[in-house]
Amino acid sequence: MDNRSRILSRALELFASYGYDAVGVQRVVEAAHVTKPTLYYYFGSKKGLLNALLETYFSELFQVVENAVVYNRDLPLTLNKVTTAYFNFSRQNPVFYHMQLSMWFAPSHSEAFKAVSGFNEKQQNLLENLFIEAARQHGNMKGRHQAYAATFLGMVNTYIGLSLNGYTELNEQLVYKAVHQFMHGIFS
């Protein structure tokens, strides 16, 4: 593993375990066995390091979610694909997913929240666009895209959080259960 990769890996572990604000540059460089100038060479600052982590992982997440949100006139099938994409990504990247969830719920004035907020807005927008498309087929959904997107992503992230903490397993049965529960709520 090269220095850049080792810094990213150790920073991810530390940020996920202790929170971004609680981890200083010195702790990251000690864990990565590099010097501060090495970290600054690759990332410019602790915030630059965080941004590199977020961009790396979120670009992968967005790739799979953008493929899954393509609406094909079958909302339950599309939501199954989206849920499966999120579940698979979180299973493959549990440390990152835990970190970014904690950042989303950090104080709104914190550097961590500000760093992740744009990525979370993009997720919201992807899902809102899906529900706008679906509303063309399901008239009772018109004008509710923002609430549906927030509720759906919140549900998916809750199940992922439960899994990360050992309370449930992310599997096909849970995908079905989650989507069925959500669909029942929006069509009732």
C-alpha atoms as a PDB file:
ATOM      1  CA  MET A   1       0.000   0.000   0.000  1.00  0.00           C
ATOM      2  CA  ASP A   2       1.409   3.400  -0.958  1.00  0.00           C
ATOM      3  CA  ASN A   3       1.485   6.384   1.422  1.00  0.00           C
ATOM      4  CA  ARG A   4      -1.632   8.041  -0.020  1.00  0.00           C
ATOM      5  CA  SER A   5      -3.688   4.855   0.241  1.00  0.00           C
ATOM      6  CA  ARG A   6      -2.412   4.124   3.731  1.00  0.00           C
ATOM      7  CA  ILE A   7      -3.320   7.648   4.917  1.00  0.00           C
ATOM      8  CA  LEU A   8      -6.825   7.308   3.451  1.00  0.00           C
ATOM      9  CA  SER A   9      -7.308   3.893   5.021  1.00  0.00           C
ATOM     10  CA  ARG A  10      -6.144   4.899   8.491  1.00  0.00           C
ATOM     11  CA  ALA A  11      -8.068   8.183   8.409  1.00  0.00           C
ATOM     12  CA  LEU A  12     -11.244   6.328   7.458  1.00  0.00           C
ATOM     13  CA  GLU A  13     -10.810   3.919  10.359  1.00  0.00           C
ATOM     14  CA  LEU A  14     -10.112   6.733  12.818  1.00  0.00           C
ATOM     15  CA  PHE A  15     -12.903   9.049  11.599  1.00  0.00           C
ATOM     16  CA  ALA A  16     -15.410   6.180  11.731  1.00  0.00           C
ATOM     17  CA  SER A  17     -14.307   5.063  15.196  1.00  0.00           C
ATOM     18  CA  TYR A  18     -13.904   8.405  16.944  1.00  0.00           C
ATOM     19  CA  GLY A  19     -15.606  11.001  14.760  1.00  0.00           C
ATOM     20  CA  TYR A  20     -13.965  13.422  12.387  1.00  0.00           C
ATOM     21  CA  ASP A  21     -13.743  16.287  14.890  1.00  0.00           C
ATOM     22  CA  ALA A  22     -12.084  14.103  17.546  1.00  0.00           C
ATOM     23  CA  VAL A  23      -9.213  12.983  15.310  1.00  0.00           C
ATOM     24  CA  GLY A  24      -6.283  15.300  14.703  1.00  0.00           C
ATOM     25  CA  VAL A  25      -3.730  15.217  11.917  1.00  0.00           C
ATOM     26  CA  GLN A  26      -1.066  13.930  14.314  1.00  0.00           C
ATOM     27  CA  ARG A  27      -3.172  10.875  15.138  1.00  0.00           C
ATOM     28  CA  VAL A  28      -3.720  10.127  11.441  1.00  0.00           C
ATOM     29  CA  VAL A  29      -0.045  10.374  10.524  1.00  0.00           C
ATOM     30  CA  GLU A  30       0.982   8.220  13.469  1.00  0.00           C
ATOM     31  CA  ALA A  31      -1.530   5.539  12.473  1.00  0.00           C
ATOM     32  CA  ALA A  32      -0.385   5.703   8.834  1.00  0.00           C
ATOM     33  CA  HIS A  33       3.320   5.781   9.775  1.00  0.00           C
ATOM     34  CA  VAL A  34       3.974   8.903   7.714  1.00  0.00           C
ATOM     35  CA  THR A  35       4.906  12.486   8.484  1.00  0.00           C
ATOM     36  CA  LYS A  36       2.658  15.535   8.515  1.00  0.00           C
ATOM     37  CA  PRO A  37       4.350  16.928   5.388  1.00  0.00           C
ATOM     38  CA  THR A  38       3.445  13.685   3.604  1.00  0.00           C
ATOM     39  CA  LEU A  39      -0.223  14.069   4.518  1.00  0.00           C
ATOM     40  CA  TYR A  40      -0.170  17.736   3.495  1.00  0.00           C
ATOM     41  CA  TYR A  41       1.543  16.826   0.215  1.00  0.00           C
ATOM     42  CA  TYR A  42      -1.295  14.502  -0.787  1.00  0.00           C
ATOM     43  CA  PHE A  43      -4.288  16.269   0.746  1.00  0.00           C
ATOM     44  CA  GLY A  44      -3.336  19.810   1.747  1.00  0.00           C
ATOM     45  CA  SER A  45      -5.151  19.600   5.089  1.00  0.00           C
ATOM     46  CA  LYS A  46      -7.312  17.398   7.281  1.00  0.00           C
ATOM     47  CA  LYS A  47     -10.358  18.779   5.444  1.00  0.00           C
ATOM     48  CA  GLY A  48      -8.715  17.888   2.114  1.00  0.00           C
ATOM     49  CA  LEU A  49      -8.190  14.367   3.425  1.00  0.00           C
ATOM     50  CA  LEU A  50     -11.855  14.113   4.407  1.00  0.00           C
ATOM     51  CA  ASN A  51     -12.961  15.439   1.017  1.00  0.00           C
ATOM     52  CA  ALA A  52     -10.785  12.854  -0.754  1.00  0.00           C
ATOM     53  CA  LEU A  53     -12.387  10.071   1.299  1.00  0.00           C
ATOM     54  CA  LEU A  54     -15.893  11.319   0.617  1.00  0.00           C
ATOM     55  CA  GLU A  55     -15.304  11.823  -3.102  1.00  0.00           C
ATOM     56  CA  THR A  56     -13.737   8.390  -3.503  1.00  0.00           C
ATOM     57  CA  TYR A  57     -16.497   6.447  -1.809  1.00  0.00           C
ATOM     58  CA  PHE A  58     -19.468   8.559  -2.839  1.00  0.00           C
ATOM     59  CA  SER A  59     -18.455   8.405  -6.499  1.00  0.00           C
ATOM     60  CA  GLU A  60     -18.725   4.616  -6.256  1.00  0.00           C
ATOM     61  CA  LEU A  61     -22.057   4.840  -4.427  1.00  0.00           C
ATOM     62  CA  PHE A  62     -23.474   7.301  -6.942  1.00  0.00           C
ATOM     63  CA  GLN A  63     -22.466   5.066  -9.811  1.00  0.00           C
ATOM     64  CA  VAL A  64     -24.518   2.137  -8.493  1.00  0.00           C
ATOM     65  CA  VAL A  65     -27.428   4.285  -7.303  1.00  0.00           C
ATOM     66  CA  GLU A  66     -27.648   6.202 -10.604  1.00  0.00           C
ATOM     67  CA  ASN A  67     -27.951   2.870 -12.416  1.00  0.00           C
ATOM     68  CA  ALA A  68     -30.590   1.650  -9.982  1.00  0.00           C
ATOM     69  CA  VAL A  69     -32.846   4.754 -10.003  1.00  0.00           C
ATOM     70  CA  VAL A  70     -33.608   4.491 -13.708  1.00  0.00           C
ATOM     71  CA  TYR A  71     -37.406   4.323 -13.640  1.00  0.00           C
ATOM     72  CA  ASN A  72     -38.901   1.652 -15.888  1.00  0.00           C
ATOM     73  CA  ARG A  73     -42.597   2.201 -15.053  1.00  0.00           C
ATOM     74  CA  ASP A  74     -42.389  -0.325 -12.214  1.00  0.00           C
ATOM     75  CA  LEU A  75     -41.859   1.536  -8.940  1.00  0.00           C
ATOM     76  CA  PRO A  76     -41.548  -1.495  -6.636  1.00  0.00           C
ATOM     77  CA  LEU A  77     -38.939  -3.049  -8.942  1.00  0.00           C
ATOM     78  CA  THR A  78     -36.989   0.214  -9.142  1.00  0.00           C
ATOM     79  CA  LEU A  79     -37.089   0.688  -5.366  1.00  0.00           C
ATOM     80  CA  ASN A  80     -35.911  -2.911  -4.946  1.00  0.00           C
ATOM     81  CA  LYS A  81     -32.939  -2.117  -7.184  1.00  0.00           C
ATOM     82  CA  VAL A  82     -32.157   1.078  -5.279  1.00  0.00           C
ATOM     83  CA  THR A  83     -32.413  -0.631  -1.886  1.00  0.00           C
ATOM     84  CA  THR A  84     -30.252  -3.511  -3.091  1.00  0.00           C
ATOM     85  CA  ALA A  85     -27.660  -1.034  -4.397  1.00  0.00           C
ATOM     86  CA  TYR A  86     -27.484   0.739  -1.030  1.00  0.00           C
ATOM     87  CA  PHE A  87     -27.402  -2.511   0.942  1.00  0.00           C
ATOM     88  CA  ASN A  88     -24.659  -3.992  -1.252  1.00  0.00           C
ATOM     89  CA  PHE A  89     -22.564  -0.828  -1.093  1.00  0.00           C
ATOM     90  CA  SER A  90     -22.868  -0.617   2.690  1.00  0.00           C
ATOM     91  CA  ARG A  91     -21.923  -4.294   3.066  1.00  0.00           C
ATOM     92  CA  GLN A  92     -18.841  -3.740   0.883  1.00  0.00           C
ATOM     93  CA  ASN A  93     -17.898  -0.490   2.640  1.00  0.00           C
ATOM     94  CA  PRO A  94     -19.197  -0.736   6.216  1.00  0.00           C
ATOM     95  CA  VAL A  95     -16.568   1.506   7.796  1.00  0.00           C
ATOM     96  CA  PHE A  96     -17.197   4.281   5.284  1.00  0.00           C
ATOM     97  CA  TYR A  97     -20.958   3.938   5.533  1.00  0.00           C
ATOM     98  CA  HIS A  98     -20.821   4.179   9.313  1.00  0.00           C
ATOM     99  CA  MET A  99     -18.606   7.258   9.085  1.00  0.00           C
ATOM    100  CA  GLN A 100     -20.788   9.099   6.593  1.00  0.00           C
ATOM    101  CA  LEU A 101     -23.969   8.329   8.543  1.00  0.00           C
ATOM    102  CA  SER A 102     -22.427   9.761  11.698  1.00  0.00           C
ATOM    103  CA  MET A 103     -21.363  12.857   9.770  1.00  0.00           C
ATOM    104  CA  TRP A 104     -24.863  13.386   8.428  1.00  0.00           C
ATOM    105  CA  PHE A 105     -26.128  13.541  11.995  1.00  0.00           C
ATOM    106  CA  ALA A 106     -23.279  15.761  13.240  1.00  0.00           C
ATOM    107  CA  PRO A 107     -24.084  19.314  14.349  1.00  0.00           C
ATOM    108  CA  SER A 108     -25.050  21.410  11.321  1.00  0.00           C
ATOM    109  CA  HIS A 109     -22.273  23.932  11.979  1.00  0.00           C
ATOM    110  CA  SER A 110     -19.549  21.265  12.091  1.00  0.00           C
ATOM    111  CA  GLU A 111     -16.970  20.745   9.371  1.00  0.00           C
ATOM    112  CA  ALA A 112     -18.010  17.079   9.091  1.00  0.00           C
ATOM    113  CA  PHE A 113     -21.666  17.922   8.425  1.00  0.00           C
ATOM    114  CA  LYS A 114     -20.744  20.611   5.908  1.00  0.00           C
ATOM    115  CA  ALA A 115     -18.404  18.222   4.083  1.00  0.00           C
ATOM    116  CA  VAL A 116     -21.016  15.475   3.698  1.00  0.00           C
ATOM    117  CA  SER A 117     -24.087  17.645   3.108  1.00  0.00           C
ATOM    118  CA  GLY A 118     -23.526  18.103  -0.634  1.00  0.00           C
ATOM    119  CA  PHE A 119     -23.248  14.363  -1.126  1.00  0.00           C
ATOM    120  CA  ASN A 120     -26.442  13.806   0.838  1.00  0.00           C
ATOM    121  CA  GLU A 121     -28.223  16.460  -1.202  1.00  0.00           C
ATOM    122  CA  LYS A 122     -27.199  14.607  -4.357  1.00  0.00           C
ATOM    123  CA  GLN A 123     -28.674  11.374  -2.973  1.00  0.00           C
ATOM    124  CA  GLN A 124     -31.882  13.224  -2.125  1.00  0.00           C
ATOM    125  CA  ASN A 125     -32.043  14.707  -5.630  1.00  0.00           C
ATOM    126  CA  LEU A 126     -31.531  11.344  -7.315  1.00  0.00           C
ATOM    127  CA  LEU A 127     -34.407   9.895  -5.350  1.00  0.00           C
ATOM    128  CA  GLU A 128     -36.621  12.955  -5.806  1.00  0.00           C
ATOM    129  CA  ASN A 129     -36.192  12.652  -9.572  1.00  0.00           C
ATOM    130  CA  LEU A 130     -37.220   9.005  -9.373  1.00  0.00           C
ATOM    131  CA  PHE A 131     -40.423   9.914  -7.534  1.00  0.00           C
ATOM    132  CA  ILE A 132     -41.138  12.768  -9.960  1.00  0.00           C
ATOM    133  CA  GLU A 133     -40.928  10.235 -12.808  1.00  0.00           C
ATOM    134  CA  ALA A 134     -43.145   7.770 -10.948  1.00  0.00           C
ATOM    135  CA  ALA A 135     -45.744  10.481 -10.254  1.00  0.00           C
ATOM    136  CA  ARG A 136     -46.406  10.692 -13.985  1.00  0.00           C
ATOM    137  CA  GLN A 137     -47.793   7.177 -13.742  1.00  0.00           C
ATOM    138  CA  HIS A 138     -49.214   7.461 -10.223  1.00  0.00           C
ATOM    139  CA  GLY A 139     -51.108  10.741  -9.949  1.00  0.00           C
ATOM    140  CA  ASN A 140     -51.613  10.492  -6.190  1.00  0.00           C
ATOM    141  CA  MET A 141     -47.831  10.895  -5.768  1.00  0.00           C
ATOM    142  CA  LYS A 142     -47.606  14.329  -7.418  1.00  0.00           C
ATOM    143  CA  GLY A 143     -45.957  16.988  -5.300  1.00  0.00           C
ATOM    144  CA  ARG A 144     -44.741  14.529  -2.690  1.00  0.00           C
ATOM    145  CA  HIS A 145     -41.370  13.673  -4.237  1.00  0.00           C
ATOM    146  CA  GLN A 146     -39.310  15.467  -1.595  1.00  0.00           C
ATOM    147  CA  ALA A 147     -41.029  13.736   1.320  1.00  0.00           C
ATOM    148  CA  TYR A 148     -40.940  10.354  -0.408  1.00  0.00           C
ATOM    149  CA  ALA A 149     -37.231  10.663  -1.180  1.00  0.00           C
ATOM    150  CA  ALA A 150     -36.354  11.705   2.368  1.00  0.00           C
ATOM    151  CA  THR A 151     -38.529   9.003   3.908  1.00  0.00           C
ATOM    152  CA  PHE A 152     -37.230   6.297   1.613  1.00  0.00           C
ATOM    153  CA  LEU A 153     -33.554   7.187   2.123  1.00  0.00           C
ATOM    154  CA  GLY A 154     -34.145   7.485   5.862  1.00  0.00           C
ATOM    155  CA  MET A 155     -35.676   4.014   5.946  1.00  0.00           C
ATOM    156  CA  VAL A 156     -32.833   2.506   3.912  1.00  0.00           C
ATOM    157  CA  ASN A 157     -30.222   4.181   6.111  1.00  0.00           C
ATOM    158  CA  THR A 158     -32.008   3.032   9.268  1.00  0.00           C
ATOM    159  CA  TYR A 159     -31.859  -0.582   8.126  1.00  0.00           C
ATOM    160  CA  ILE A 160     -28.201  -0.150   7.190  1.00  0.00           C
ATOM    161  CA  GLY A 161     -27.504   1.392  10.601  1.00  0.00           C
ATOM    162  CA  LEU A 162     -29.235  -1.519  12.303  1.00  0.00           C
ATOM    163  CA  SER A 163     -27.099  -3.919  10.279  1.00  0.00           C
ATOM    164  CA  LEU A 164     -23.862  -2.057  11.019  1.00  0.00           C
ATOM    165  CA  ASN A 165     -24.676  -2.388  14.717  1.00  0.00           C
ATOM    166  CA  GLY A 166     -25.481  -6.101  14.455  1.00  0.00           C
ATOM    167  CA  TYR A 167     -29.272  -5.935  14.817  1.00  0.00           C
ATOM    168  CA  THR A 168     -30.286  -7.212  11.390  1.00  0.00           C
ATOM    169  CA  GLU A 169     -28.881  -8.707   8.214  1.00  0.00           C
ATOM    170  CA  LEU A 170     -29.113  -6.905   4.885  1.00  0.00           C
ATOM    171  CA  ASN A 171     -30.534  -9.556   2.574  1.00  0.00           C
ATOM    172  CA  GLU A 172     -33.150 -10.021  -0.151  1.00  0.00           C
ATOM    173  CA  GLN A 173     -35.899 -10.641   2.402  1.00  0.00           C
ATOM    174  CA  LEU A 174     -35.173  -7.313   4.069  1.00  0.00           C
ATOM    175  CA  VAL A 175     -35.123  -5.557   0.680  1.00  0.00           C
ATOM    176  CA  TYR A 176     -38.576  -6.956  -0.054  1.00  0.00           C
ATOM    177  CA  LYS A 177     -39.886  -6.124   3.430  1.00  0.00           C
ATOM    178  CA  ALA A 178     -38.556  -2.564   3.337  1.00  0.00           C
ATOM    179  CA  VAL A 179     -39.884  -1.769  -0.130  1.00  0.00           C
ATOM    180  CA  HIS A 180     -43.227  -3.418   0.599  1.00  0.00           C
ATOM    181  CA  GLN A 181     -43.550  -1.408   3.816  1.00  0.00           C
ATOM    182  CA  PHE A 182     -42.674   1.814   1.994  1.00  0.00           C
ATOM    183  CA  MET A 183     -45.028   1.144  -0.925  1.00  0.00           C
ATOM    184  CA  HIS A 184     -47.868   0.369   1.452  1.00  0.00           C
ATOM    185  CA  GLY A 185     -47.326   3.717   3.119  1.00  0.00           C
ATOM    186  CA  ILE A 186     -47.307   5.811  -0.046  1.00  0.00           C
ATOM    187  CA  PHE A 187     -50.296   4.102  -1.650  1.00  0.00           C
ATOM    188  CA  SER A 188     -52.500   4.014   1.453  1.00  0.00           C
END
